[in-house]
Amino acid sequence: MPPAWQSLANENDAARFTSASSAPLVIVSGDADTLVIPSTTASLAIDLCALDPPQNLERWLYAGLDHGGVVGSQQTDGTQAISDYLAWTAQRFAGDPPHSYRPIGMGSNTAMVTSSCG
């Protein structure tokens, strides 16, 4: 890894976080993801919730989606995980409270809030 990239990776290592960000955070993943396995995002949420004060966050888990299914624009079954994330982000810029949006998913891939600490 180039030194500049390594420096950024070190700075953004969740193990180094000592305080929560003032910005709300959403962690989006699929339960079939083999690139960023769901236990990794669950562990990150636990660590961020353990901060004092805890990070204002939600963790969404999509049934049956892999990494591409979550970050892709649309799946063949009609699931649009990215549309939930974009709607959540638009609400933040509109000034709506962080926990006012609930991911809906589409088709057979429902989304659920699995963690929240803010």
PDB file of N, CA and C in Angstrom:
ATOM      1  N   MET A   1       0.856  -1.174   0.000  1.00  0.00           N
ATOM      2  CA  MET A   1       0.000   0.000   0.000  1.00  0.00           C
ATOM      3  C   MET A   1       0.902   1.237   0.000  1.00  0.00           C
ATOM      4  N   PRO A   2       0.603   2.215  -0.862  1.00  0.00           N
ATOM      5  CA  PRO A   2       1.394   3.458  -0.866  1.00  0.00           C
ATOM      6  C   PRO A   2       1.311   4.144   0.495  1.00  0.00           C
ATOM      7  N   PRO A   3       2.392   4.816   0.914  1.00  0.00           N
ATOM      8  CA  PRO A   3       2.409   5.463   2.241  1.00  0.00           C
ATOM      9  C   PRO A   3       1.233   6.408   2.493  1.00  0.00           C
ATOM     10  N   ALA A   4       0.834   7.173   1.488  1.00  0.00           N
ATOM     11  CA  ALA A   4      -0.291   8.105   1.688  1.00  0.00           C
ATOM     12  C   ALA A   4      -1.582   7.350   1.970  1.00  0.00           C
ATOM     13  N   TRP A   5      -1.789   6.240   1.273  1.00  0.00           N
ATOM     14  CA  TRP A   5      -2.981   5.423   1.495  1.00  0.00           C
ATOM     15  C   TRP A   5      -2.920   4.769   2.872  1.00  0.00           C
ATOM     16  N   GLN A   6      -1.740   4.302   3.267  1.00  0.00           N
ATOM     17  CA  GLN A   6      -1.590   3.676   4.576  1.00  0.00           C
ATOM     18  C   GLN A   6      -1.889   4.675   5.684  1.00  0.00           C
ATOM     19  N   SER A   7      -1.446   5.911   5.493  1.00  0.00           N
ATOM     20  CA  SER A   7      -1.713   6.958   6.480  1.00  0.00           C
ATOM     21  C   SER A   7      -3.219   7.205   6.619  1.00  0.00           C
ATOM     22  N   LEU A   8      -3.924   7.284   5.483  1.00  0.00           N
ATOM     23  CA  LEU A   8      -5.377   7.474   5.529  1.00  0.00           C
ATOM     24  C   LEU A   8      -6.075   6.283   6.172  1.00  0.00           C
ATOM     25  N   ALA A   9      -5.614   5.086   5.860  1.00  0.00           N
ATOM     26  CA  ALA A   9      -6.205   3.888   6.462  1.00  0.00           C
ATOM     27  C   ALA A   9      -6.019   3.907   7.971  1.00  0.00           C
ATOM     28  N   ASN A  10      -4.827   4.284   8.415  1.00  0.00           N
ATOM     29  CA  ASN A  10      -4.562   4.349   9.856  1.00  0.00           C
ATOM     30  C   ASN A  10      -5.435   5.396  10.538  1.00  0.00           C
ATOM     31  N   GLU A  11      -5.573   6.568   9.907  1.00  0.00           N
ATOM     32  CA  GLU A  11      -6.382   7.640  10.481  1.00  0.00           C
ATOM     33  C   GLU A  11      -7.857   7.262  10.577  1.00  0.00           C
ATOM     34  N   ASN A  12      -8.328   6.402   9.688  1.00  0.00           N
ATOM     35  CA  ASN A  12      -9.736   6.027   9.654  1.00  0.00           C
ATOM     36  C   ASN A  12     -10.008   4.662  10.269  1.00  0.00           C
ATOM     37  N   ASP A  13      -9.046   4.112  10.964  1.00  0.00           N
ATOM     38  CA  ASP A  13      -9.219   2.838  11.653  1.00  0.00           C
ATOM     39  C   ASP A  13     -10.138   3.056  12.853  1.00  0.00           C
ATOM     40  N   ALA A  14     -11.247   2.364  12.872  1.00  0.00           N
ATOM     41  CA  ALA A  14     -12.223   2.552  13.956  1.00  0.00           C
ATOM     42  C   ALA A  14     -11.632   2.282  15.331  1.00  0.00           C
ATOM     43  N   ALA A  15     -10.604   1.476  15.411  1.00  0.00           N
ATOM     44  CA  ALA A  15      -9.972   1.195  16.699  1.00  0.00           C
ATOM     45  C   ALA A  15      -9.310   2.448  17.278  1.00  0.00           C
ATOM     46  N   ARG A  16      -9.063   3.428  16.441  1.00  0.00           N
ATOM     47  CA  ARG A  16      -8.413   4.663  16.896  1.00  0.00           C
ATOM     48  C   ARG A  16      -9.414   5.753  17.267  1.00  0.00           C
ATOM     49  N   PHE A  17     -10.693   5.535  16.996  1.00  0.00           N
ATOM     50  CA  PHE A  17     -11.691   6.555  17.295  1.00  0.00           C
ATOM     51  C   PHE A  17     -11.840   6.688  18.803  1.00  0.00           C
ATOM     52  N   THR A  18     -11.781   7.910  19.289  1.00  0.00           N
ATOM     53  CA  THR A  18     -11.934   8.155  20.723  1.00  0.00           C
ATOM     54  C   THR A  18     -13.197   8.950  21.038  1.00  0.00           C
ATOM     55  N   SER A  19     -13.814   9.503  19.993  1.00  0.00           N
ATOM     56  CA  SER A  19     -15.054  10.236  20.208  1.00  0.00           C
ATOM     57  C   SER A  19     -15.929  10.110  18.970  1.00  0.00           C
ATOM     58  N   ALA A  20     -17.196  10.315  19.191  1.00  0.00           N
ATOM     59  CA  ALA A  20     -18.159  10.198  18.104  1.00  0.00           C
ATOM     60  C   ALA A  20     -18.091  11.419  17.199  1.00  0.00           C
ATOM     61  N   SER A  21     -18.443  11.227  15.967  1.00  0.00           N
ATOM     62  CA  SER A  21     -18.579  12.326  15.023  1.00  0.00           C
ATOM     63  C   SER A  21     -19.892  13.039  15.310  1.00  0.00           C
ATOM     64  N   SER A  22     -19.946  14.317  15.009  1.00  0.00           N
ATOM     65  CA  SER A  22     -21.205  15.047  15.184  1.00  0.00           C
ATOM     66  C   SER A  22     -22.201  14.698  14.077  1.00  0.00           C
ATOM     67  N   ALA A  23     -21.712  14.116  12.993  1.00  0.00           N
ATOM     68  CA  ALA A  23     -22.594  13.741  11.885  1.00  0.00           C
ATOM     69  C   ALA A  23     -23.180  12.351  12.117  1.00  0.00           C
ATOM     70  N   PRO A  24     -24.464  12.164  11.814  1.00  0.00           N
ATOM     71  CA  PRO A  24     -25.045  10.827  11.928  1.00  0.00           C
ATOM     72  C   PRO A  24     -24.422   9.902  10.889  1.00  0.00           C
ATOM     73  N   LEU A  25     -24.451   8.625  11.166  1.00  0.00           N
ATOM     74  CA  LEU A  25     -23.815   7.625  10.321  1.00  0.00           C
ATOM     75  C   LEU A  25     -24.791   6.496  10.040  1.00  0.00           C
ATOM     76  N   VAL A  26     -24.794   6.016   8.808  1.00  0.00           N
ATOM     77  CA  VAL A  26     -25.545   4.814   8.475  1.00  0.00           C
ATOM     78  C   VAL A  26     -24.550   3.811   7.898  1.00  0.00           C
ATOM     79  N   ILE A  27     -24.625   2.587   8.375  1.00  0.00           N
ATOM     80  CA  ILE A  27     -23.786   1.492   7.884  1.00  0.00           C
ATOM     81  C   ILE A  27     -24.720   0.543   7.146  1.00  0.00           C
ATOM     82  N   VAL A  28     -24.477   0.351   5.853  1.00  0.00           N
ATOM     83  CA  VAL A  28     -25.361  -0.445   5.016  1.00  0.00           C
ATOM     84  C   VAL A  28     -24.600  -1.675   4.528  1.00  0.00           C
ATOM     85  N   SER A  29     -25.191  -2.854   4.725  1.00  0.00           N
ATOM     86  CA  SER A  29     -24.542  -4.075   4.239  1.00  0.00           C
ATOM     87  C   SER A  29     -25.585  -5.133   3.909  1.00  0.00           C
ATOM     88  N   GLY A  30     -25.125  -6.138   3.187  1.00  0.00           N
ATOM     89  CA  GLY A  30     -25.975  -7.270   2.840  1.00  0.00           C
ATOM     90  C   GLY A  30     -25.541  -8.495   3.619  1.00  0.00           C
ATOM     91  N   ASP A  31     -26.490  -9.334   3.990  1.00  0.00           N
ATOM     92  CA  ASP A  31     -26.125 -10.507   4.783  1.00  0.00           C
ATOM     93  C   ASP A  31     -25.425 -11.589   3.964  1.00  0.00           C
ATOM     94  N   ALA A  32     -25.348 -11.412   2.635  1.00  0.00           N
ATOM     95  CA  ALA A  32     -24.630 -12.359   1.772  1.00  0.00           C
ATOM     96  C   ALA A  32     -23.301 -11.780   1.283  1.00  0.00           C
ATOM     97  N   ASP A  33     -22.857 -10.682   1.883  1.00  0.00           N
ATOM     98  CA  ASP A  33     -21.618 -10.027   1.468  1.00  0.00           C
ATOM     99  C   ASP A  33     -20.415 -10.869   1.899  1.00  0.00           C
ATOM    100  N   THR A  34     -19.563 -11.209   0.957  1.00  0.00           N
ATOM    101  CA  THR A  34     -18.340 -11.957   1.270  1.00  0.00           C
ATOM    102  C   THR A  34     -17.105 -11.068   1.191  1.00  0.00           C
ATOM    103  N   LEU A  35     -17.276  -9.807   0.758  1.00  0.00           N
ATOM    104  CA  LEU A  35     -16.163  -8.863   0.707  1.00  0.00           C
ATOM    105  C   LEU A  35     -16.019  -8.143   2.045  1.00  0.00           C
ATOM    106  N   VAL A  36     -17.120  -7.594   2.535  1.00  0.00           N
ATOM    107  CA  VAL A  36     -17.174  -6.992   3.868  1.00  0.00           C
ATOM    108  C   VAL A  36     -18.224  -7.798   4.623  1.00  0.00           C
ATOM    109  N   ILE A  37     -17.763  -8.805   5.337  1.00  0.00           N
ATOM    110  CA  ILE A  37     -18.698  -9.730   5.968  1.00  0.00           C
ATOM    111  C   ILE A  37     -19.527  -9.024   7.048  1.00  0.00           C
ATOM    112  N   PRO A  38     -20.790  -9.429   7.186  1.00  0.00           N
ATOM    113  CA  PRO A  38     -21.697  -8.748   8.111  1.00  0.00           C
ATOM    114  C   PRO A  38     -21.185  -8.648   9.556  1.00  0.00           C
ATOM    115  N   SER A  39     -20.418  -9.620  10.004  1.00  0.00           N
ATOM    116  CA  SER A  39     -19.906  -9.533  11.374  1.00  0.00           C
ATOM    117  C   SER A  39     -18.938  -8.357  11.530  1.00  0.00           C
ATOM    118  N   THR A  40     -18.296  -7.932  10.434  1.00  0.00           N
ATOM    119  CA  THR A  40     -17.394  -6.785  10.481  1.00  0.00           C
ATOM    120  C   THR A  40     -18.169  -5.494  10.714  1.00  0.00           C
ATOM    121  N   THR A  41     -19.265  -5.318   9.991  1.00  0.00           N
ATOM    122  CA  THR A  41     -20.050  -4.100  10.186  1.00  0.00           C
ATOM    123  C   THR A  41     -20.769  -4.128  11.537  1.00  0.00           C
ATOM    124  N   ALA A  42     -21.151  -5.308  11.991  1.00  0.00           N
ATOM    125  CA  ALA A  42     -21.763  -5.423  13.323  1.00  0.00           C
ATOM    126  C   ALA A  42     -20.761  -5.032  14.397  1.00  0.00           C
ATOM    127  N   SER A  43     -19.535  -5.496  14.243  1.00  0.00           N
ATOM    128  CA  SER A  43     -18.480  -5.178  15.201  1.00  0.00           C
ATOM    129  C   SER A  43     -18.182  -3.677  15.211  1.00  0.00           C
ATOM    130  N   LEU A  44     -18.146  -3.077  14.026  1.00  0.00           N
ATOM    131  CA  LEU A  44     -17.918  -1.633  13.936  1.00  0.00           C
ATOM    132  C   LEU A  44     -19.034  -0.876  14.658  1.00  0.00           C
ATOM    133  N   ALA A  45     -20.278  -1.267  14.435  1.00  0.00           N
ATOM    134  CA  ALA A  45     -21.403  -0.604  15.098  1.00  0.00           C
ATOM    135  C   ALA A  45     -21.282  -0.721  16.618  1.00  0.00           C
ATOM    136  N   ILE A  46     -20.914  -1.881  17.094  1.00  0.00           N
ATOM    137  CA  ILE A  46     -20.745  -2.080  18.542  1.00  0.00           C
ATOM    138  C   ILE A  46     -19.668  -1.150  19.086  1.00  0.00           C
ATOM    139  N   ASP A  47     -18.527  -1.075  18.384  1.00  0.00           N
ATOM    140  CA  ASP A  47     -17.430  -0.210  18.829  1.00  0.00           C
ATOM    141  C   ASP A  47     -17.843   1.256  18.842  1.00  0.00           C
ATOM    142  N   LEU A  48     -18.564   1.691  17.802  1.00  0.00           N
ATOM    143  CA  LEU A  48     -18.978   3.091  17.733  1.00  0.00           C
ATOM    144  C   LEU A  48     -20.053   3.420  18.771  1.00  0.00           C
ATOM    145  N   CYS A  49     -20.898   2.455  19.085  1.00  0.00           N
ATOM    146  CA  CYS A  49     -21.906   2.660  20.125  1.00  0.00           C
ATOM    147  C   CYS A  49     -21.280   2.704  21.517  1.00  0.00           C
ATOM    148  N   ALA A  50     -20.090   2.130  21.660  1.00  0.00           N
ATOM    149  CA  ALA A  50     -19.411   2.099  22.955  1.00  0.00           C
ATOM    150  C   ALA A  50     -18.679   3.407  23.268  1.00  0.00           C
ATOM    151  N   LEU A  51     -18.574   4.304  22.292  1.00  0.00           N
ATOM    152  CA  LEU A  51     -17.932   5.593  22.543  1.00  0.00           C
ATOM    153  C   LEU A  51     -18.770   6.384  23.545  1.00  0.00           C
ATOM    154  N   ASP A  52     -18.143   7.345  24.213  1.00  0.00           N
ATOM    155  CA  ASP A  52     -18.852   8.162  25.187  1.00  0.00           C
ATOM    156  C   ASP A  52     -18.729   9.624  24.787  1.00  0.00           C
ATOM    157  N   PRO A  53     -19.768  10.239  24.251  1.00  0.00           N
ATOM    158  CA  PRO A  53     -21.088   9.691  23.988  1.00  0.00           C
ATOM    159  C   PRO A  53     -21.057   8.772  22.767  1.00  0.00           C
ATOM    160  N   PRO A  54     -22.070   7.928  22.624  1.00  0.00           N
ATOM    161  CA  PRO A  54     -22.097   7.007  21.495  1.00  0.00           C
ATOM    162  C   PRO A  54     -22.293   7.730  20.166  1.00  0.00           C
ATOM    163  N   GLN A  55     -21.801   7.109  19.115  1.00  0.00           N
ATOM    164  CA  GLN A  55     -22.013   7.642  17.766  1.00  0.00           C
ATOM    165  C   GLN A  55     -23.494   7.541  17.410  1.00  0.00           C
ATOM    166  N   ASN A  56     -24.027   8.559  16.798  1.00  0.00           N
ATOM    167  CA  ASN A  56     -25.400   8.527  16.304  1.00  0.00           C
ATOM    168  C   ASN A  56     -25.376   7.701  15.022  1.00  0.00           C
ATOM    169  N   LEU A  57     -25.829   6.460  15.090  1.00  0.00           N
ATOM    170  CA  LEU A  57     -25.744   5.596  13.919  1.00  0.00           C
ATOM    171  C   LEU A  57     -26.909   4.639  13.809  1.00  0.00           C
ATOM    172  N   GLU A  58     -27.057   4.150  12.590  1.00  0.00           N
ATOM    173  CA  GLU A  58     -27.951   3.037  12.296  1.00  0.00           C
ATOM    174  C   GLU A  58     -27.168   2.063  11.438  1.00  0.00           C
ATOM    175  N   ARG A  59     -27.440   0.778  11.595  1.00  0.00           N
ATOM    176  CA  ARG A  59     -26.859  -0.251  10.738  1.00  0.00           C
ATOM    177  C   ARG A  59     -28.007  -0.969  10.058  1.00  0.00           C
ATOM    178  N   TRP A  60     -27.984  -0.971   8.727  1.00  0.00           N
ATOM    179  CA  TRP A  60     -29.020  -1.638   7.951  1.00  0.00           C
ATOM    180  C   TRP A  60     -28.449  -2.902   7.349  1.00  0.00           C
ATOM    181  N   LEU A  61     -29.199  -3.962   7.416  1.00  0.00           N
ATOM    182  CA  LEU A  61     -28.792  -5.245   6.840  1.00  0.00           C
ATOM    183  C   LEU A  61     -29.860  -5.692   5.853  1.00  0.00           C
ATOM    184  N   TYR A  62     -29.436  -5.953   4.624  1.00  0.00           N
ATOM    185  CA  TYR A  62     -30.345  -6.385   3.562  1.00  0.00           C
ATOM    186  C   TYR A  62     -30.252  -7.893   3.380  1.00  0.00           C
ATOM    187  N   ALA A  63     -31.382  -8.557   3.478  1.00  0.00           N
ATOM    188  CA  ALA A  63     -31.439 -10.011   3.318  1.00  0.00           C
ATOM    189  C   ALA A  63     -31.101 -10.402   1.881  1.00  0.00           C
ATOM    190  N   GLY A  64     -30.173 -11.331   1.735  1.00  0.00           N
ATOM    191  CA  GLY A  64     -29.854 -11.910   0.443  1.00  0.00           C
ATOM    192  C   GLY A  64     -28.960 -11.094  -0.462  1.00  0.00           C
ATOM    193  N   LEU A  65     -28.542  -9.902  -0.052  1.00  0.00           N
ATOM    194  CA  LEU A  65     -27.702  -9.091  -0.924  1.00  0.00           C
ATOM    195  C   LEU A  65     -26.222  -9.273  -0.602  1.00  0.00           C
ATOM    196  N   ASP A  66     -25.410  -9.294  -1.673  1.00  0.00           N
ATOM    197  CA  ASP A  66     -23.970  -9.313  -1.497  1.00  0.00           C
ATOM    198  C   ASP A  66     -23.458  -7.880  -1.612  1.00  0.00           C
ATOM    199  N   HIS A  67     -22.142  -7.708  -1.687  1.00  0.00           N
ATOM    200  CA  HIS A  67     -21.551  -6.368  -1.728  1.00  0.00           C
ATOM    201  C   HIS A  67     -22.051  -5.581  -2.939  1.00  0.00           C
ATOM    202  N   GLY A  68     -22.028  -6.196  -4.104  1.00  0.00           N
ATOM    203  CA  GLY A  68     -22.503  -5.528  -5.312  1.00  0.00           C
ATOM    204  C   GLY A  68     -23.973  -5.194  -5.255  1.00  0.00           C
ATOM    205  N   GLY A  69     -24.746  -6.032  -4.579  1.00  0.00           N
ATOM    206  CA  GLY A  69     -26.170  -5.787  -4.453  1.00  0.00           C
ATOM    207  C   GLY A  69     -26.488  -4.579  -3.603  1.00  0.00           C
ATOM    208  N   VAL A  70     -25.623  -4.275  -2.663  1.00  0.00           N
ATOM    209  CA  VAL A  70     -25.839  -3.111  -1.812  1.00  0.00           C
ATOM    210  C   VAL A  70     -25.348  -1.843  -2.496  1.00  0.00           C
ATOM    211  N   VAL A  71     -24.195  -1.887  -3.125  1.00  0.00           N
ATOM    212  CA  VAL A  71     -23.647  -0.673  -3.732  1.00  0.00           C
ATOM    213  C   VAL A  71     -24.078  -0.478  -5.181  1.00  0.00           C
ATOM    214  N   GLY A  72     -24.647  -1.507  -5.819  1.00  0.00           N
ATOM    215  CA  GLY A  72     -25.109  -1.391  -7.195  1.00  0.00           C
ATOM    216  C   GLY A  72     -26.355  -0.548  -7.289  1.00  0.00           C
ATOM    217  N   SER A  73     -26.666  -0.078  -8.467  1.00  0.00           N
ATOM    218  CA  SER A  73     -27.807   0.821  -8.617  1.00  0.00           C
ATOM    219  C   SER A  73     -29.139   0.086  -8.571  1.00  0.00           C
ATOM    220  N   GLN A  74     -29.198  -1.113  -9.135  1.00  0.00           N
ATOM    221  CA  GLN A  74     -30.448  -1.866  -9.080  1.00  0.00           C
ATOM    222  C   GLN A  74     -30.167  -3.331  -9.384  1.00  0.00           C
ATOM    223  N   GLN A  75     -30.799  -4.199  -8.632  1.00  0.00           N
ATOM    224  CA  GLN A  75     -30.675  -5.622  -8.861  1.00  0.00           C
ATOM    225  C   GLN A  75     -31.757  -6.081  -9.818  1.00  0.00           C
ATOM    226  N   THR A  76     -31.572  -7.241 -10.396  1.00  0.00           N
ATOM    227  CA  THR A  76     -32.546  -7.750 -11.358  1.00  0.00           C
ATOM    228  C   THR A  76     -33.899  -8.042 -10.714  1.00  0.00           C
ATOM    229  N   ASP A  77     -33.926  -8.270  -9.398  1.00  0.00           N
ATOM    230  CA  ASP A  77     -35.215  -8.535  -8.745  1.00  0.00           C
ATOM    231  C   ASP A  77     -35.906  -7.248  -8.301  1.00  0.00           C
ATOM    232  N   GLY A  78     -35.342  -6.103  -8.656  1.00  0.00           N
ATOM    233  CA  GLY A  78     -35.975  -4.831  -8.326  1.00  0.00           C
ATOM    234  C   GLY A  78     -35.466  -4.189  -7.050  1.00  0.00           C
ATOM    235  N   THR A  79     -34.590  -4.849  -6.336  1.00  0.00           N
ATOM    236  CA  THR A  79     -34.068  -4.286  -5.102  1.00  0.00           C
ATOM    237  C   THR A  79     -33.184  -3.087  -5.405  1.00  0.00           C
ATOM    238  N   GLN A  80     -33.402  -2.024  -4.687  1.00  0.00           N
ATOM    239  CA  GLN A  80     -32.591  -0.835  -4.859  1.00  0.00           C
ATOM    240  C   GLN A  80     -32.084  -0.378  -3.498  1.00  0.00           C
ATOM    241  N   ALA A  81     -31.092  -1.062  -2.980  1.00  0.00           N
ATOM    242  CA  ALA A  81     -30.540  -0.689  -1.682  1.00  0.00           C
ATOM    243  C   ALA A  81     -29.982   0.718  -1.707  1.00  0.00           C
ATOM    244  N   ILE A  82     -29.384   1.100  -2.807  1.00  0.00           N
ATOM    245  CA  ILE A  82     -28.788   2.427  -2.890  1.00  0.00           C
ATOM    246  C   ILE A  82     -29.848   3.518  -2.779  1.00  0.00           C
ATOM    247  N   SER A  83     -31.070   3.247  -3.216  1.00  0.00           N
ATOM    248  CA  SER A  83     -32.120   4.270  -3.126  1.00  0.00           C
ATOM    249  C   SER A  83     -32.473   4.572  -1.667  1.00  0.00           C
ATOM    250  N   ASP A  84     -32.408   3.565  -0.806  1.00  0.00           N
ATOM    251  CA  ASP A  84     -32.632   3.813   0.627  1.00  0.00           C
ATOM    252  C   ASP A  84     -31.548   4.737   1.179  1.00  0.00           C
ATOM    253  N   TYR A  85     -30.311   4.444   0.826  1.00  0.00           N
ATOM    254  CA  TYR A  85     -29.198   5.259   1.317  1.00  0.00           C
ATOM    255  C   TYR A  85     -29.314   6.697   0.809  1.00  0.00           C
ATOM    256  N   LEU A  86     -29.643   6.860  -0.466  1.00  0.00           N
ATOM    257  CA  LEU A  86     -29.775   8.208  -1.023  1.00  0.00           C
ATOM    258  C   LEU A  86     -30.923   8.970  -0.367  1.00  0.00           C
ATOM    259  N   ALA A  87     -32.030   8.297  -0.080  1.00  0.00           N
ATOM    260  CA  ALA A  87     -33.163   8.944   0.592  1.00  0.00           C
ATOM    261  C   ALA A  87     -32.769   9.366   2.004  1.00  0.00           C
ATOM    262  N   TRP A  88     -32.031   8.499   2.720  1.00  0.00           N
ATOM    263  CA  TRP A  88     -31.554   8.814   4.068  1.00  0.00           C
ATOM    264  C   TRP A  88     -30.662  10.050   4.024  1.00  0.00           C
ATOM    265  N   THR A  89     -29.752  10.092   3.047  1.00  0.00           N
ATOM    266  CA  THR A  89     -28.828  11.214   2.909  1.00  0.00           C
ATOM    267  C   THR A  89     -29.582  12.500   2.578  1.00  0.00           C
ATOM    268  N   ALA A  90     -30.546  12.430   1.674  1.00  0.00           N
ATOM    269  CA  ALA A  90     -31.340  13.613   1.319  1.00  0.00           C
ATOM    270  C   ALA A  90     -32.069  14.157   2.543  1.00  0.00           C
ATOM    271  N   GLN A  91     -32.575  13.265   3.381  1.00  0.00           N
ATOM    272  CA  GLN A  91     -33.258  13.722   4.596  1.00  0.00           C
ATOM    273  C   GLN A  91     -32.293  14.420   5.558  1.00  0.00           C
ATOM    274  N   ARG A  92     -31.045  13.968   5.626  1.00  0.00           N
ATOM    275  CA  ARG A  92     -30.077  14.639   6.495  1.00  0.00           C
ATOM    276  C   ARG A  92     -29.841  16.066   6.014  1.00  0.00           C
ATOM    277  N   PHE A  93     -29.674  16.238   4.696  1.00  0.00           N
ATOM    278  CA  PHE A  93     -29.461  17.578   4.148  1.00  0.00           C
ATOM    279  C   PHE A  93     -30.700  18.446   4.281  1.00  0.00           C
ATOM    280  N   ALA A  94     -31.864  17.841   4.330  1.00  0.00           N
ATOM    281  CA  ALA A  94     -33.116  18.585   4.510  1.00  0.00           C
ATOM    282  C   ALA A  94     -33.340  18.957   5.978  1.00  0.00           C
ATOM    283  N   GLY A  95     -32.513  18.438   6.871  1.00  0.00           N
ATOM    284  CA  GLY A  95     -32.636  18.757   8.290  1.00  0.00           C
ATOM    285  C   GLY A  95     -33.531  17.823   9.082  1.00  0.00           C
ATOM    286  N   ASP A  96     -33.991  16.737   8.470  1.00  0.00           N
ATOM    287  CA  ASP A  96     -34.818  15.764   9.188  1.00  0.00           C
ATOM    288  C   ASP A  96     -33.980  15.022  10.225  1.00  0.00           C
ATOM    289  N   PRO A  97     -34.590  14.573  11.316  1.00  0.00           N
ATOM    290  CA  PRO A  97     -33.852  13.827  12.328  1.00  0.00           C
ATOM    291  C   PRO A  97     -33.263  12.535  11.747  1.00  0.00           C
ATOM    292  N   PRO A  98     -32.081  12.117  12.218  1.00  0.00           N
ATOM    293  CA  PRO A  98     -31.414  10.945  11.667  1.00  0.00           C
ATOM    294  C   PRO A  98     -32.244   9.670  11.647  1.00  0.00           C
ATOM    295  N   HIS A  99     -33.029   9.404  12.663  1.00  0.00           N
ATOM    296  CA  HIS A  99     -33.744   8.129  12.735  1.00  0.00           C
ATOM    297  C   HIS A  99     -35.160   8.203  12.157  1.00  0.00           C
ATOM    298  N   SER A 100     -35.415   9.240  11.349  1.00  0.00           N
ATOM    299  CA  SER A 100     -36.758   9.391  10.787  1.00  0.00           C
ATOM    300  C   SER A 100     -36.970   8.553   9.530  1.00  0.00           C
ATOM    301  N   TYR A 101     -35.893   8.125   8.874  1.00  0.00           N
ATOM    302  CA  TYR A 101     -36.024   7.321   7.659  1.00  0.00           C
ATOM    303  C   TYR A 101     -35.878   5.847   8.003  1.00  0.00           C
ATOM    304  N   ARG A 102     -36.734   5.040   7.469  1.00  0.00           N
ATOM    305  CA  ARG A 102     -36.635   3.593   7.640  1.00  0.00           C
ATOM    306  C   ARG A 102     -36.388   2.965   6.280  1.00  0.00           C
ATOM    307  N   PRO A 103     -35.323   2.184   6.129  1.00  0.00           N
ATOM    308  CA  PRO A 103     -35.045   1.551   4.841  1.00  0.00           C
ATOM    309  C   PRO A 103     -36.179   0.608   4.475  1.00  0.00           C
ATOM    310  N   ILE A 104     -36.515   0.587   3.201  1.00  0.00           N
ATOM    311  CA  ILE A 104     -37.632  -0.246   2.780  1.00  0.00           C
ATOM    312  C   ILE A 104     -37.204  -1.422   1.925  1.00  0.00           C
ATOM    313  N   GLY A 105     -36.094  -1.291   1.182  1.00  0.00           N
ATOM    314  CA  GLY A 105     -35.733  -2.359   0.270  1.00  0.00           C
ATOM    315  C   GLY A 105     -36.869  -2.543  -0.741  1.00  0.00           C
ATOM    316  N   MET A 106     -36.726  -3.498  -1.589  1.00  0.00           N
ATOM    317  CA  MET A 106     -37.778  -3.771  -2.558  1.00  0.00           C
ATOM    318  C   MET A 106     -37.701  -5.234  -2.951  1.00  0.00           C
ATOM    319  N   GLY A 107     -38.710  -5.732  -3.588  1.00  0.00           N
ATOM    320  CA  GLY A 107     -38.686  -7.121  -4.017  1.00  0.00           C
ATOM    321  C   GLY A 107     -38.570  -8.058  -2.836  1.00  0.00           C
ATOM    322  N   SER A 108     -37.798  -9.103  -2.989  1.00  0.00           N
ATOM    323  CA  SER A 108     -37.649 -10.101  -1.927  1.00  0.00           C
ATOM    324  C   SER A 108     -36.589  -9.716  -0.912  1.00  0.00           C
ATOM    325  N   ASN A 109     -35.841  -8.645  -1.159  1.00  0.00           N
ATOM    326  CA  ASN A 109     -34.747  -8.253  -0.278  1.00  0.00           C
ATOM    327  C   ASN A 109     -35.168  -7.125   0.649  1.00  0.00           C
ATOM    328  N   THR A 110     -35.727  -7.492   1.765  1.00  0.00           N
ATOM    329  CA  THR A 110     -36.148  -6.479   2.728  1.00  0.00           C
ATOM    330  C   THR A 110     -34.930  -5.959   3.478  1.00  0.00           C
ATOM    331  N   ALA A 111     -35.053  -4.768   3.958  1.00  0.00           N
ATOM    332  CA  ALA A 111     -33.986  -4.157   4.758  1.00  0.00           C
ATOM    333  C   ALA A 111     -34.478  -4.059   6.187  1.00  0.00           C
ATOM    334  N   MET A 112     -33.560  -4.205   7.099  1.00  0.00           N
ATOM    335  CA  MET A 112     -33.950  -4.036   8.493  1.00  0.00           C
ATOM    336  C   MET A 112     -32.867  -3.265   9.243  1.00  0.00           C
ATOM    337  N   VAL A 113     -33.306  -2.481  10.199  1.00  0.00           N
ATOM    338  CA  VAL A 113     -32.372  -1.786  11.074  1.00  0.00           C
ATOM    339  C   VAL A 113     -31.958  -2.803  12.123  1.00  0.00           C
ATOM    340  N   THR A 114     -30.676  -3.113  12.168  1.00  0.00           N
ATOM    341  CA  THR A 114     -30.208  -4.120  13.107  1.00  0.00           C
ATOM    342  C   THR A 114     -29.493  -3.517  14.303  1.00  0.00           C
ATOM    343  N   SER A 115     -29.046  -2.284  14.162  1.00  0.00           N
ATOM    344  CA  SER A 115     -28.336  -1.620  15.248  1.00  0.00           C
ATOM    345  C   SER A 115     -28.689  -0.146  15.241  1.00  0.00           C
ATOM    346  N   SER A 116     -28.748   0.426  16.401  1.00  0.00           N
ATOM    347  CA  SER A 116     -28.949   1.844  16.530  1.00  0.00           C
ATOM    348  C   SER A 116     -28.460   2.227  17.922  1.00  0.00           C
ATOM    349  N   CYS A 117     -27.673   3.281  17.993  1.00  0.00           N
ATOM    350  CA  CYS A 117     -27.197   3.695  19.314  1.00  0.00           C
ATOM    351  C   CYS A 117     -27.289   5.198  19.485  1.00  0.00           C
ATOM    352  N   GLY A 118     -27.925   5.894  18.593  1.00  0.00           N
ATOM    353  CA  GLY A 118     -27.979   7.341  18.695  1.00  0.00           C
ATOM    354  C   GLY A 118     -29.304   7.833  18.815  1.00  0.00           C
TER     355      GLY A 118
END
